[in-house]
Amino acid sequence: MALPMTHSEASGPIVLIDGVCVLCSRWYQFVTARDKAHRFRFVAIQENEGRAIAEAHGIDPNNPTTFILVDGDIATFRSEAGLRILEQLPGWRWTRFLRAIPQGLRDGLYDLIARNRYHWFGRLDVCILPTAPRTQR
């Protein structure tokens, strides 16, 4: 699902994640280790900017069940957001073929993991995301 963005979100690709979720934190580490062009900027939903983005897209910042990729004037969610990110990382373009799997199945698996993420992977006491954005783009 893609939604139009507000002007303030159109400055570049933003990945909105749950900053205290261990799985989300590992996703952040995975992407940033491979994103040599520093294309993506991660924002925790626990930050003011993150809360505003979440609320603008109908996500409860106190109970996030998805992450969002905001790229230009398009916002994508769940499995689609993950695939769009992976496709832009060196060596991971092959993941575009995963779109052959119906989105309902992909999102069903995503939702199952999202509902159980704290139980299966854990929860951090503090957000691991740096408070200053990466400067190079």
Protein backbone atom coordinates (compact mmCIF):
# COMPACT_ATOMS: atom_id res chain seq x y z
CA MET A 1 0.00 0.00 0.00
CA ALA A 2 1.41 3.40 -0.93
CA LEU A 3 0.18 6.77 0.30
CA PRO A 4 1.10 10.28 -0.82
CA MET A 5 3.51 12.08 1.47
CA THR A 6 3.51 15.49 3.09
CA HIS A 7 6.04 18.09 1.95
CA SER A 8 8.26 17.66 5.02
CA GLU A 9 8.64 13.92 4.39
CA ALA A 10 9.65 14.33 0.75
CA SER A 11 13.29 15.24 1.46
CA GLY A 12 14.63 11.71 0.99
CA PRO A 13 14.08 8.06 1.88
CA ILE A 14 13.13 7.69 5.53
CA VAL A 15 12.73 4.35 7.24
CA LEU A 16 10.47 4.58 10.28
CA ILE A 17 11.05 1.76 12.76
CA ASP A 18 10.30 0.78 16.33
CA GLY A 19 13.52 1.88 18.00
CA VAL A 20 13.21 -0.46 20.99
CA CYS A 21 12.46 -3.62 18.99
CA VAL A 22 15.51 -5.90 18.76
CA LEU A 23 14.46 -7.19 15.33
CA CYS A 24 13.98 -3.63 14.03
CA SER A 25 17.35 -2.63 15.47
CA ARG A 26 18.99 -5.54 13.67
CA TRP A 27 17.24 -4.47 10.45
CA TYR A 28 18.73 -0.98 10.98
CA GLN A 29 22.21 -2.48 11.47
CA PHE A 30 21.80 -4.76 8.44
CA VAL A 31 20.73 -1.96 6.11
CA THR A 32 23.20 0.67 7.31
CA ALA A 33 26.11 -1.77 6.99
CA ARG A 34 25.23 -2.25 3.30
CA ASP A 35 23.94 1.23 2.44
CA LYS A 36 27.33 2.62 1.40
CA ALA A 37 25.66 5.56 -0.36
CA HIS A 38 23.91 6.52 2.92
CA ARG A 39 20.64 6.66 1.02
CA PHE A 40 18.34 5.77 3.91
CA ARG A 41 17.71 7.78 7.04
CA PHE A 42 16.26 5.81 9.93
CA VAL A 43 13.88 7.46 12.36
CA ALA A 44 12.58 5.78 15.51
CA ILE A 45 8.86 5.96 16.07
CA GLN A 46 9.68 6.98 19.65
CA GLU A 47 11.16 10.30 18.40
CA ASN A 48 8.95 13.35 17.77
CA GLU A 49 9.58 13.15 14.02
CA GLY A 50 8.78 9.44 14.03
CA ARG A 51 5.56 9.91 15.98
CA ALA A 52 4.42 12.57 13.51
CA ILE A 53 5.15 10.35 10.49
CA ALA A 54 3.39 7.38 12.10
CA GLU A 55 0.31 9.39 13.01
CA ALA A 56 0.15 10.90 9.52
CA HIS A 57 -0.13 7.36 8.16
CA GLY A 58 -2.60 5.94 10.63
CA ILE A 59 -0.11 4.04 12.77
CA ASP A 60 -0.41 4.21 16.54
CA PRO A 61 3.06 5.30 17.71
CA ASN A 62 2.39 3.65 21.08
CA ASN A 63 1.68 0.30 19.43
CA PRO A 64 3.46 0.17 16.06
CA THR A 65 2.79 -2.96 14.04
CA THR A 66 4.68 -2.03 10.88
CA PHE A 67 7.53 0.05 9.60
CA ILE A 68 7.28 2.57 6.81
CA LEU A 69 9.55 3.51 3.92
CA VAL A 70 8.96 7.11 2.89
CA ASP A 71 10.57 7.73 -0.49
CA GLY A 72 9.69 10.96 -2.23
CA ASP A 73 5.92 11.20 -2.37
CA ILE A 74 5.32 7.47 -1.75
CA ALA A 75 5.00 5.63 1.56
CA THR A 76 5.13 1.85 1.61
CA PHE A 77 4.49 -0.52 4.47
CA ARG A 78 5.25 -4.05 5.69
CA SER A 79 6.74 -6.49 3.17
CA GLU A 80 6.63 -4.00 0.31
CA ALA A 81 8.72 -1.50 2.29
CA GLY A 82 11.25 -4.19 3.14
CA LEU A 83 11.57 -5.31 -0.47
CA ARG A 84 11.98 -1.74 -1.73
CA ILE A 85 14.81 -1.19 0.73
CA LEU A 86 16.55 -4.47 -0.10
CA GLU A 87 16.34 -3.79 -3.84
CA GLN A 88 18.39 -0.63 -3.37
CA LEU A 89 21.22 -2.30 -1.48
CA PRO A 90 24.27 -3.60 -3.36
CA GLY A 91 24.01 -7.35 -3.87
CA TRP A 92 20.34 -7.54 -2.89
CA ARG A 93 18.62 -6.53 -6.15
CA TRP A 94 17.62 -10.16 -6.66
CA THR A 95 15.00 -9.69 -3.94
CA ARG A 96 12.72 -7.93 -6.43
CA PHE A 97 11.76 -11.41 -7.58
CA LEU A 98 10.11 -11.99 -4.20
CA ARG A 99 7.28 -9.82 -5.49
CA ALA A 100 6.14 -12.94 -7.35
CA ILE A 101 4.84 -14.08 -3.96
CA PRO A 102 1.38 -12.56 -3.52
CA GLN A 103 1.48 -9.52 -1.25
CA GLY A 104 -1.25 -10.98 0.96
CA LEU A 105 0.99 -13.93 1.80
CA ARG A 106 4.07 -11.74 2.31
CA ASP A 107 2.16 -9.35 4.55
CA GLY A 108 0.55 -12.21 6.46
CA LEU A 109 4.00 -13.51 7.38
CA TYR A 110 5.14 -9.96 8.17
CA ASP A 111 2.13 -9.45 10.49
CA LEU A 112 2.80 -12.74 12.31
CA ILE A 113 6.40 -11.70 12.98
CA ALA A 114 5.38 -8.13 13.93
CA ARG A 115 2.83 -9.37 16.48
CA ASN A 116 5.41 -11.61 18.13
CA ARG A 117 8.58 -9.55 17.67
CA TYR A 118 9.10 -8.63 21.32
CA HIS A 119 8.41 -12.18 22.50
CA TRP A 120 10.65 -13.84 19.88
CA PHE A 121 13.46 -11.29 19.56
CA GLY A 122 13.26 -9.10 22.64
CA ARG A 123 12.83 -5.46 23.51
CA LEU A 124 15.55 -2.91 24.26
CA ASP A 125 15.43 -0.52 27.20
CA VAL A 126 16.64 2.34 24.98
CA CYS A 127 16.62 3.08 21.29
CA ILE A 128 19.89 2.27 19.49
CA LEU A 129 19.37 4.71 16.64
CA PRO A 130 21.75 7.67 16.64
CA THR A 131 20.02 10.95 17.38
CA ALA A 132 21.91 12.82 14.65
CA PRO A 133 21.12 11.87 11.05
CA ARG A 134 23.87 10.44 8.84
CA THR A 135 25.35 13.39 7.00
CA GLN A 136 26.47 11.89 3.74
CA ARG A 137 23.86 11.12 1.08
